[in-house]
N, C-alpha and C. Protein backbone atom coordinates (compact mmCIF):
# COMPACT_ATOMS: atom_id res chain seq x y z
N MET A 1 0.84 -1.19 0.00
CA MET A 1 0.00 0.00 0.00
C MET A 1 0.88 1.25 0.00
N GLN A 2 0.57 2.20 -0.85
CA GLN A 2 1.34 3.44 -0.91
C GLN A 2 1.04 4.29 0.31
N PRO A 3 2.06 4.99 0.82
CA PRO A 3 1.78 5.89 1.95
C PRO A 3 0.96 7.10 1.49
N THR A 4 0.19 7.63 2.41
CA THR A 4 -0.51 8.89 2.17
C THR A 4 0.52 10.00 2.19
N LEU A 5 0.43 10.92 1.25
CA LEU A 5 1.33 12.07 1.21
C LEU A 5 0.68 13.24 1.93
N ILE A 6 1.39 13.78 2.93
CA ILE A 6 1.00 15.06 3.52
C ILE A 6 1.95 16.07 2.92
N LEU A 7 1.41 17.01 2.17
CA LEU A 7 2.21 17.97 1.43
C LEU A 7 1.94 19.38 1.93
N GLY A 8 2.93 19.97 2.59
CA GLY A 8 2.82 21.34 3.07
C GLY A 8 3.33 22.28 2.00
N LEU A 9 2.52 23.25 1.60
CA LEU A 9 2.91 24.19 0.55
C LEU A 9 3.03 25.60 1.10
N GLY A 10 3.80 26.43 0.39
CA GLY A 10 3.90 27.83 0.74
C GLY A 10 5.33 28.33 0.72
N ASN A 11 5.46 29.62 0.99
CA ASN A 11 6.77 30.27 1.02
C ASN A 11 7.03 30.73 2.45
N PRO A 12 7.95 30.09 3.16
CA PRO A 12 8.20 30.45 4.56
C PRO A 12 8.84 31.83 4.73
N LEU A 13 9.22 32.47 3.64
CA LEU A 13 9.77 33.82 3.71
C LEU A 13 8.70 34.88 3.50
N GLN A 14 7.45 34.44 3.39
CA GLN A 14 6.33 35.38 3.24
C GLN A 14 5.31 35.18 4.35
N ALA A 15 5.80 35.27 5.58
CA ALA A 15 4.96 35.23 6.79
C ALA A 15 4.00 34.05 6.77
N ASP A 16 2.71 34.30 6.82
CA ASP A 16 1.71 33.24 6.97
C ASP A 16 1.62 32.31 5.77
N ASP A 17 2.18 32.70 4.64
CA ASP A 17 2.19 31.81 3.49
C ASP A 17 2.99 30.55 3.80
N GLY A 18 3.83 30.60 4.82
CA GLY A 18 4.65 29.45 5.19
C GLY A 18 3.96 28.45 6.09
N ILE A 19 2.67 28.60 6.37
CA ILE A 19 1.99 27.70 7.30
C ILE A 19 2.05 26.25 6.85
N GLY A 20 1.89 25.98 5.58
CA GLY A 20 1.95 24.60 5.09
C GLY A 20 3.31 23.98 5.33
N CYS A 21 4.36 24.76 5.12
CA CYS A 21 5.72 24.28 5.36
C CYS A 21 5.93 23.98 6.84
N ARG A 22 5.43 24.85 7.71
CA ARG A 22 5.56 24.64 9.16
C ARG A 22 4.83 23.38 9.60
N VAL A 23 3.65 23.15 9.06
CA VAL A 23 2.90 21.93 9.38
C VAL A 23 3.71 20.71 8.96
N ALA A 24 4.27 20.74 7.76
CA ALA A 24 5.08 19.62 7.28
C ALA A 24 6.29 19.39 8.19
N GLN A 25 6.95 20.46 8.60
CA GLN A 25 8.11 20.32 9.49
C GLN A 25 7.71 19.67 10.81
N GLU A 26 6.60 20.10 11.37
CA GLU A 26 6.13 19.54 12.65
C GLU A 26 5.74 18.07 12.49
N LEU A 27 5.00 17.75 11.45
CA LEU A 27 4.54 16.37 11.26
C LEU A 27 5.68 15.43 10.90
N ALA A 28 6.73 15.94 10.28
CA ALA A 28 7.87 15.10 9.92
C ALA A 28 8.58 14.54 11.15
N THR A 29 8.39 15.15 12.30
CA THR A 29 9.03 14.68 13.53
C THR A 29 8.21 13.60 14.23
N ARG A 30 7.04 13.30 13.73
CA ARG A 30 6.16 12.30 14.35
C ARG A 30 6.21 10.98 13.60
N ALA A 31 5.99 9.92 14.33
CA ALA A 31 5.93 8.59 13.72
C ALA A 31 4.50 8.36 13.25
N LEU A 32 4.27 8.60 11.99
CA LEU A 32 2.94 8.41 11.41
C LEU A 32 3.01 7.23 10.44
N PRO A 33 2.38 6.11 10.79
CA PRO A 33 2.47 4.93 9.92
C PRO A 33 1.82 5.17 8.56
N ASP A 34 2.47 4.64 7.54
CA ASP A 34 1.96 4.72 6.17
C ASP A 34 1.73 6.15 5.70
N VAL A 35 2.61 7.07 6.14
CA VAL A 35 2.51 8.48 5.77
C VAL A 35 3.88 8.98 5.34
N GLU A 36 3.91 9.72 4.25
CA GLU A 36 5.10 10.44 3.82
C GLU A 36 4.79 11.93 3.95
N VAL A 37 5.64 12.65 4.65
CA VAL A 37 5.45 14.09 4.84
C VAL A 37 6.48 14.82 3.99
N MET A 38 6.02 15.85 3.27
CA MET A 38 6.92 16.59 2.39
C MET A 38 6.63 18.09 2.47
N ASP A 39 7.68 18.88 2.58
CA ASP A 39 7.59 20.33 2.44
C ASP A 39 7.72 20.60 0.95
N GLY A 40 6.62 20.95 0.32
CA GLY A 40 6.61 21.11 -1.14
C GLY A 40 6.95 22.51 -1.62
N GLY A 41 7.13 23.46 -0.70
CA GLY A 41 7.46 24.82 -1.11
C GLY A 41 6.37 25.44 -1.96
N THR A 42 6.78 26.06 -3.06
CA THR A 42 5.84 26.70 -3.99
C THR A 42 6.01 26.07 -5.38
N PRO A 43 5.44 24.88 -5.58
CA PRO A 43 5.73 24.14 -6.81
C PRO A 43 5.01 24.61 -8.06
N GLY A 44 3.98 25.45 -7.94
CA GLY A 44 3.22 25.84 -9.13
C GLY A 44 2.64 24.60 -9.80
N VAL A 45 2.74 24.53 -11.13
CA VAL A 45 2.20 23.37 -11.83
C VAL A 45 3.03 22.12 -11.58
N GLY A 46 4.23 22.28 -11.00
CA GLY A 46 5.04 21.13 -10.59
C GLY A 46 4.35 20.29 -9.53
N LEU A 47 3.29 20.84 -8.95
CA LEU A 47 2.50 20.09 -7.98
C LEU A 47 1.99 18.79 -8.59
N ILE A 48 1.69 18.83 -9.86
CA ILE A 48 1.18 17.64 -10.55
C ILE A 48 2.18 16.49 -10.41
N ASN A 49 3.47 16.77 -10.61
CA ASN A 49 4.50 15.73 -10.51
C ASN A 49 4.59 15.17 -9.10
N LEU A 50 4.39 16.02 -8.10
CA LEU A 50 4.46 15.56 -6.71
C LEU A 50 3.29 14.63 -6.37
N LEU A 51 2.18 14.79 -7.06
CA LEU A 51 0.97 14.02 -6.75
C LEU A 51 0.83 12.74 -7.57
N GLN A 52 1.35 12.73 -8.78
CA GLN A 52 1.15 11.58 -9.66
C GLN A 52 1.73 10.31 -9.05
N GLY A 53 1.02 9.22 -9.26
CA GLY A 53 1.48 7.92 -8.79
C GLY A 53 1.18 7.64 -7.33
N ARG A 54 0.44 8.51 -6.69
CA ARG A 54 0.09 8.32 -5.28
C ARG A 54 -1.38 7.95 -5.18
N ALA A 55 -1.72 7.30 -4.06
CA ALA A 55 -3.11 6.91 -3.85
C ALA A 55 -3.91 8.00 -3.16
N ARG A 56 -3.24 8.74 -2.26
CA ARG A 56 -3.95 9.75 -1.45
C ARG A 56 -2.99 10.85 -1.05
N ALA A 57 -3.51 12.09 -1.02
CA ALA A 57 -2.69 13.23 -0.61
C ALA A 57 -3.53 14.20 0.20
N ILE A 58 -2.90 14.77 1.22
CA ILE A 58 -3.49 15.85 2.00
C ILE A 58 -2.58 17.05 1.80
N ILE A 59 -3.11 18.12 1.23
CA ILE A 59 -2.34 19.32 0.93
C ILE A 59 -2.71 20.40 1.93
N VAL A 60 -1.69 20.99 2.56
CA VAL A 60 -1.91 22.06 3.54
C VAL A 60 -1.31 23.34 2.98
N ASP A 61 -2.10 24.42 2.95
CA ASP A 61 -1.62 25.67 2.37
C ASP A 61 -2.39 26.85 2.96
N ALA A 62 -1.78 28.01 2.92
CA ALA A 62 -2.49 29.24 3.24
C ALA A 62 -3.52 29.46 2.14
N ALA A 63 -4.70 29.91 2.53
CA ALA A 63 -5.77 30.10 1.55
C ALA A 63 -6.57 31.35 1.91
N GLU A 64 -6.72 32.23 0.94
CA GLU A 64 -7.54 33.42 1.15
C GLU A 64 -9.01 33.01 1.05
N MET A 65 -9.65 32.93 2.22
CA MET A 65 -11.03 32.45 2.28
C MET A 65 -11.97 33.49 2.88
N GLN A 66 -11.46 34.69 3.14
CA GLN A 66 -12.24 35.77 3.74
C GLN A 66 -12.77 35.37 5.11
N LEU A 67 -11.90 34.71 5.90
CA LEU A 67 -12.21 34.30 7.26
C LEU A 67 -11.27 35.04 8.21
N LEU A 68 -11.41 34.78 9.49
CA LEU A 68 -10.49 35.35 10.46
C LEU A 68 -9.14 34.64 10.36
N PRO A 69 -8.03 35.36 10.55
CA PRO A 69 -6.71 34.73 10.48
C PRO A 69 -6.61 33.52 11.41
N GLY A 70 -6.04 32.45 10.86
CA GLY A 70 -5.85 31.23 11.62
C GLY A 70 -6.99 30.24 11.50
N GLU A 71 -8.11 30.65 10.91
CA GLU A 71 -9.21 29.70 10.74
C GLU A 71 -8.83 28.64 9.71
N VAL A 72 -9.31 27.43 9.95
CA VAL A 72 -8.94 26.26 9.15
C VAL A 72 -10.19 25.70 8.50
N ARG A 73 -10.06 25.32 7.23
CA ARG A 73 -11.17 24.68 6.52
C ARG A 73 -10.61 23.51 5.71
N VAL A 74 -11.44 22.48 5.58
CA VAL A 74 -11.09 21.30 4.78
C VAL A 74 -11.96 21.33 3.53
N PHE A 75 -11.31 21.11 2.39
CA PHE A 75 -12.00 21.19 1.10
C PHE A 75 -11.72 19.96 0.26
N ASP A 76 -12.66 19.67 -0.58
CA ASP A 76 -12.49 18.73 -1.67
C ASP A 76 -12.02 19.58 -2.85
N PRO A 77 -11.12 19.09 -3.70
CA PRO A 77 -10.66 19.90 -4.83
C PRO A 77 -11.78 20.44 -5.71
N ARG A 78 -12.88 19.72 -5.82
CA ARG A 78 -14.00 20.21 -6.64
C ARG A 78 -14.58 21.50 -6.07
N GLN A 79 -14.55 21.67 -4.76
CA GLN A 79 -15.03 22.90 -4.14
C GLN A 79 -14.13 24.07 -4.50
N VAL A 80 -12.84 23.83 -4.55
CA VAL A 80 -11.90 24.89 -4.89
C VAL A 80 -12.13 25.35 -6.32
N HIS A 81 -12.34 24.41 -7.23
CA HIS A 81 -12.60 24.78 -8.62
C HIS A 81 -13.87 25.62 -8.72
N LEU A 82 -14.91 25.18 -8.05
CA LEU A 82 -16.18 25.90 -8.10
C LEU A 82 -16.02 27.31 -7.53
N ASP A 83 -15.44 27.40 -6.35
CA ASP A 83 -15.30 28.71 -5.72
C ASP A 83 -14.32 29.60 -6.47
N ARG A 84 -13.25 29.02 -6.99
CA ARG A 84 -12.27 29.82 -7.72
C ARG A 84 -12.91 30.41 -8.98
N ALA A 85 -13.78 29.62 -9.60
CA ALA A 85 -14.45 30.13 -10.80
C ALA A 85 -15.30 31.34 -10.47
N ARG A 86 -15.74 31.41 -9.23
CA ARG A 86 -16.54 32.56 -8.80
C ARG A 86 -15.68 33.66 -8.22
N GLU A 87 -14.36 33.49 -8.24
CA GLU A 87 -13.41 34.48 -7.72
C GLU A 87 -13.59 34.75 -6.23
N GLN A 88 -14.03 33.73 -5.48
CA GLN A 88 -14.20 33.89 -4.04
C GLN A 88 -13.20 33.09 -3.24
N PHE A 89 -12.37 32.33 -3.89
CA PHE A 89 -11.45 31.45 -3.19
C PHE A 89 -10.15 31.41 -3.97
N SER A 90 -9.04 31.48 -3.28
CA SER A 90 -7.76 31.43 -3.98
C SER A 90 -6.72 30.75 -3.12
N LEU A 91 -5.99 29.85 -3.70
CA LEU A 91 -4.83 29.24 -3.04
C LEU A 91 -3.58 29.75 -3.76
N HIS A 92 -3.53 31.01 -4.07
CA HIS A 92 -2.46 31.73 -4.76
C HIS A 92 -2.79 31.83 -6.26
N HIS A 93 -2.09 32.67 -6.95
CA HIS A 93 -2.43 32.94 -8.34
C HIS A 93 -2.09 31.80 -9.28
N CYS A 94 -0.97 31.16 -9.12
CA CYS A 94 -0.62 30.01 -9.96
C CYS A 94 -0.29 28.87 -9.02
N GLY A 95 -1.30 28.42 -8.33
CA GLY A 95 -1.04 27.46 -7.27
C GLY A 95 -1.86 26.20 -7.41
N VAL A 96 -2.35 25.75 -6.28
CA VAL A 96 -3.03 24.47 -6.20
C VAL A 96 -4.20 24.37 -7.17
N ALA A 97 -5.10 25.33 -7.14
CA ALA A 97 -6.29 25.26 -8.00
C ALA A 97 -5.91 25.22 -9.47
N ASP A 98 -4.92 26.03 -9.85
CA ASP A 98 -4.48 26.04 -11.25
C ASP A 98 -3.85 24.72 -11.66
N ALA A 99 -3.00 24.17 -10.78
CA ALA A 99 -2.34 22.90 -11.09
C ALA A 99 -3.36 21.77 -11.21
N LEU A 100 -4.34 21.74 -10.31
CA LEU A 100 -5.36 20.70 -10.38
C LEU A 100 -6.24 20.87 -11.61
N ALA A 101 -6.54 22.11 -11.98
CA ALA A 101 -7.32 22.36 -13.19
C ALA A 101 -6.55 21.90 -14.43
N LEU A 102 -5.24 22.16 -14.45
CA LEU A 102 -4.42 21.73 -15.58
C LEU A 102 -4.39 20.20 -15.66
N ALA A 103 -4.20 19.54 -14.53
CA ALA A 103 -4.19 18.08 -14.52
C ALA A 103 -5.52 17.53 -15.04
N ASP A 104 -6.60 18.15 -14.64
CA ASP A 104 -7.92 17.73 -15.10
C ASP A 104 -8.06 17.94 -16.60
N ALA A 105 -7.62 19.09 -17.09
CA ALA A 105 -7.70 19.38 -18.53
C ALA A 105 -6.86 18.40 -19.35
N LEU A 106 -5.74 17.97 -18.78
CA LEU A 106 -4.86 17.02 -19.46
C LEU A 106 -5.29 15.57 -19.23
N LYS A 107 -6.36 15.39 -18.46
CA LYS A 107 -6.90 14.07 -18.14
C LYS A 107 -5.86 13.18 -17.45
N LEU A 108 -5.09 13.80 -16.55
CA LEU A 108 -4.11 13.06 -15.77
C LEU A 108 -4.78 12.42 -14.56
N THR A 109 -4.28 11.27 -14.17
CA THR A 109 -4.82 10.59 -12.99
C THR A 109 -4.10 11.10 -11.75
N LEU A 110 -4.87 11.64 -10.84
CA LEU A 110 -4.31 12.14 -9.58
C LEU A 110 -4.91 11.34 -8.43
N PRO A 111 -4.28 11.41 -7.27
CA PRO A 111 -4.80 10.67 -6.12
C PRO A 111 -6.06 11.30 -5.54
N GLU A 112 -6.63 10.62 -4.58
CA GLU A 112 -7.68 11.21 -3.74
C GLU A 112 -7.01 12.36 -3.00
N ILE A 113 -7.55 13.57 -3.12
CA ILE A 113 -6.90 14.76 -2.54
C ILE A 113 -7.85 15.44 -1.56
N THR A 114 -7.28 15.80 -0.42
CA THR A 114 -7.97 16.64 0.56
C THR A 114 -7.14 17.90 0.73
N LEU A 115 -7.79 19.05 0.68
CA LEU A 115 -7.10 20.32 0.87
C LEU A 115 -7.43 20.87 2.25
N VAL A 116 -6.39 21.28 2.99
CA VAL A 116 -6.56 21.92 4.28
C VAL A 116 -6.07 23.35 4.12
N GLY A 117 -7.00 24.30 4.16
CA GLY A 117 -6.66 25.71 3.98
C GLY A 117 -6.63 26.44 5.31
N VAL A 118 -5.65 27.33 5.45
CA VAL A 118 -5.52 28.15 6.66
C VAL A 118 -5.56 29.61 6.23
N GLN A 119 -6.46 30.37 6.83
CA GLN A 119 -6.59 31.79 6.51
C GLN A 119 -5.37 32.55 7.04
N PRO A 120 -4.60 33.20 6.15
CA PRO A 120 -3.47 34.00 6.62
C PRO A 120 -3.92 35.37 7.10
N ALA A 121 -3.10 35.98 7.95
CA ALA A 121 -3.31 37.38 8.33
C ALA A 121 -2.46 38.27 7.43
N ARG A 122 -1.26 37.78 7.10
CA ARG A 122 -0.32 38.59 6.34
C ARG A 122 0.50 37.69 5.42
N VAL A 123 0.56 38.04 4.14
CA VAL A 123 1.39 37.33 3.18
C VAL A 123 2.28 38.38 2.52
N GLU A 124 3.38 38.65 3.16
CA GLU A 124 4.39 39.59 2.66
C GLU A 124 5.71 39.19 3.28
N TRP A 125 6.79 39.81 2.86
CA TRP A 125 8.10 39.40 3.33
C TRP A 125 8.17 39.39 4.85
N GLY A 126 8.63 38.27 5.36
CA GLY A 126 8.78 38.07 6.79
C GLY A 126 8.92 36.58 7.07
N ALA A 127 9.87 36.21 7.90
CA ALA A 127 10.17 34.80 8.13
C ALA A 127 9.35 34.18 9.26
N GLN A 128 8.50 34.94 9.91
CA GLN A 128 7.72 34.42 11.03
C GLN A 128 6.23 34.41 10.69
N LEU A 129 5.55 33.40 11.23
CA LEU A 129 4.09 33.40 11.15
C LEU A 129 3.56 34.50 12.06
N THR A 130 2.44 35.09 11.72
CA THR A 130 1.83 36.08 12.60
C THR A 130 1.32 35.35 13.85
N PRO A 131 1.13 36.06 14.96
CA PRO A 131 0.71 35.41 16.20
C PRO A 131 -0.57 34.57 16.07
N ARG A 132 -1.56 35.04 15.35
CA ARG A 132 -2.82 34.29 15.24
C ARG A 132 -2.65 33.00 14.43
N VAL A 133 -1.85 33.07 13.39
CA VAL A 133 -1.63 31.86 12.58
C VAL A 133 -0.70 30.91 13.34
N GLN A 134 0.30 31.43 14.03
CA GLN A 134 1.16 30.59 14.86
C GLN A 134 0.33 29.87 15.92
N ALA A 135 -0.60 30.59 16.54
CA ALA A 135 -1.46 29.99 17.57
C ALA A 135 -2.37 28.90 16.99
N ALA A 136 -2.66 28.99 15.70
CA ALA A 136 -3.53 28.01 15.05
C ALA A 136 -2.78 26.74 14.66
N LEU A 137 -1.45 26.75 14.71
CA LEU A 137 -0.65 25.62 14.25
C LEU A 137 -1.09 24.28 14.87
N PRO A 138 -1.28 24.17 16.19
CA PRO A 138 -1.73 22.88 16.74
C PRO A 138 -3.09 22.44 16.18
N ARG A 139 -3.99 23.39 15.97
CA ARG A 139 -5.31 23.08 15.42
C ARG A 139 -5.19 22.60 13.97
N VAL A 140 -4.29 23.20 13.21
CA VAL A 140 -4.09 22.77 11.82
C VAL A 140 -3.54 21.35 11.80
N ILE A 141 -2.56 21.09 12.66
CA ILE A 141 -1.97 19.75 12.73
C ILE A 141 -3.03 18.72 13.12
N GLU A 142 -3.85 19.05 14.10
CA GLU A 142 -4.92 18.14 14.52
C GLU A 142 -5.90 17.89 13.37
N THR A 143 -6.20 18.91 12.59
CA THR A 143 -7.09 18.75 11.44
C THR A 143 -6.49 17.78 10.43
N VAL A 144 -5.20 17.90 10.18
CA VAL A 144 -4.52 16.99 9.24
C VAL A 144 -4.57 15.56 9.77
N ILE A 145 -4.29 15.38 11.05
CA ILE A 145 -4.33 14.04 11.66
C ILE A 145 -5.75 13.45 11.54
N GLN A 146 -6.76 14.27 11.77
CA GLN A 146 -8.14 13.80 11.62
C GLN A 146 -8.42 13.35 10.19
N GLN A 147 -7.86 14.07 9.22
CA GLN A 147 -8.06 13.69 7.83
C GLN A 147 -7.37 12.37 7.51
N LEU A 148 -6.25 12.09 8.17
CA LEU A 148 -5.58 10.79 7.99
C LEU A 148 -6.49 9.66 8.44
N ASP A 149 -7.21 9.90 9.53
CA ASP A 149 -8.09 8.88 10.09
C ASP A 149 -9.40 8.75 9.32
N ALA A 150 -9.74 9.75 8.51
CA ALA A 150 -10.99 9.71 7.75
C ALA A 150 -10.89 8.67 6.64
N VAL A 151 -11.97 8.01 6.38
CA VAL A 151 -11.99 7.03 5.29
C VAL A 151 -11.99 7.77 3.97
N PRO A 152 -11.01 7.49 3.10
CA PRO A 152 -10.96 8.20 1.81
C PRO A 152 -12.11 7.83 0.89
């Protein structure tokens, strides 16, 4: 059985955009059976290569969802496509939604994907998470662990 991929995305040099990377760093220190944890950085359409050939993936990223900073939401990729088409949801300009849309257009086979979005307070140059997003880190990690336990 292939391990589930937990993929943390973002730029740790842009404050809260680094939340996915921080989650990956924290989870990499834990013994999680049948799980591979990866800090994926900002792969753009390269995300497709990271996902291909896997059975399941949980992607963690900062997401502009018009919520309070640090709030966490779990999405199915189809929800992101629908909301993005309405210009109400974004996981960056050339990011997760664009890569998944490209994979779909190319009829590529991707794994079962769960998206965990964290509302940032600030996405600009800075190596630290803002206090509210930093405080949300344990809640984000718990959300990811719950998704591991969920039946795909």
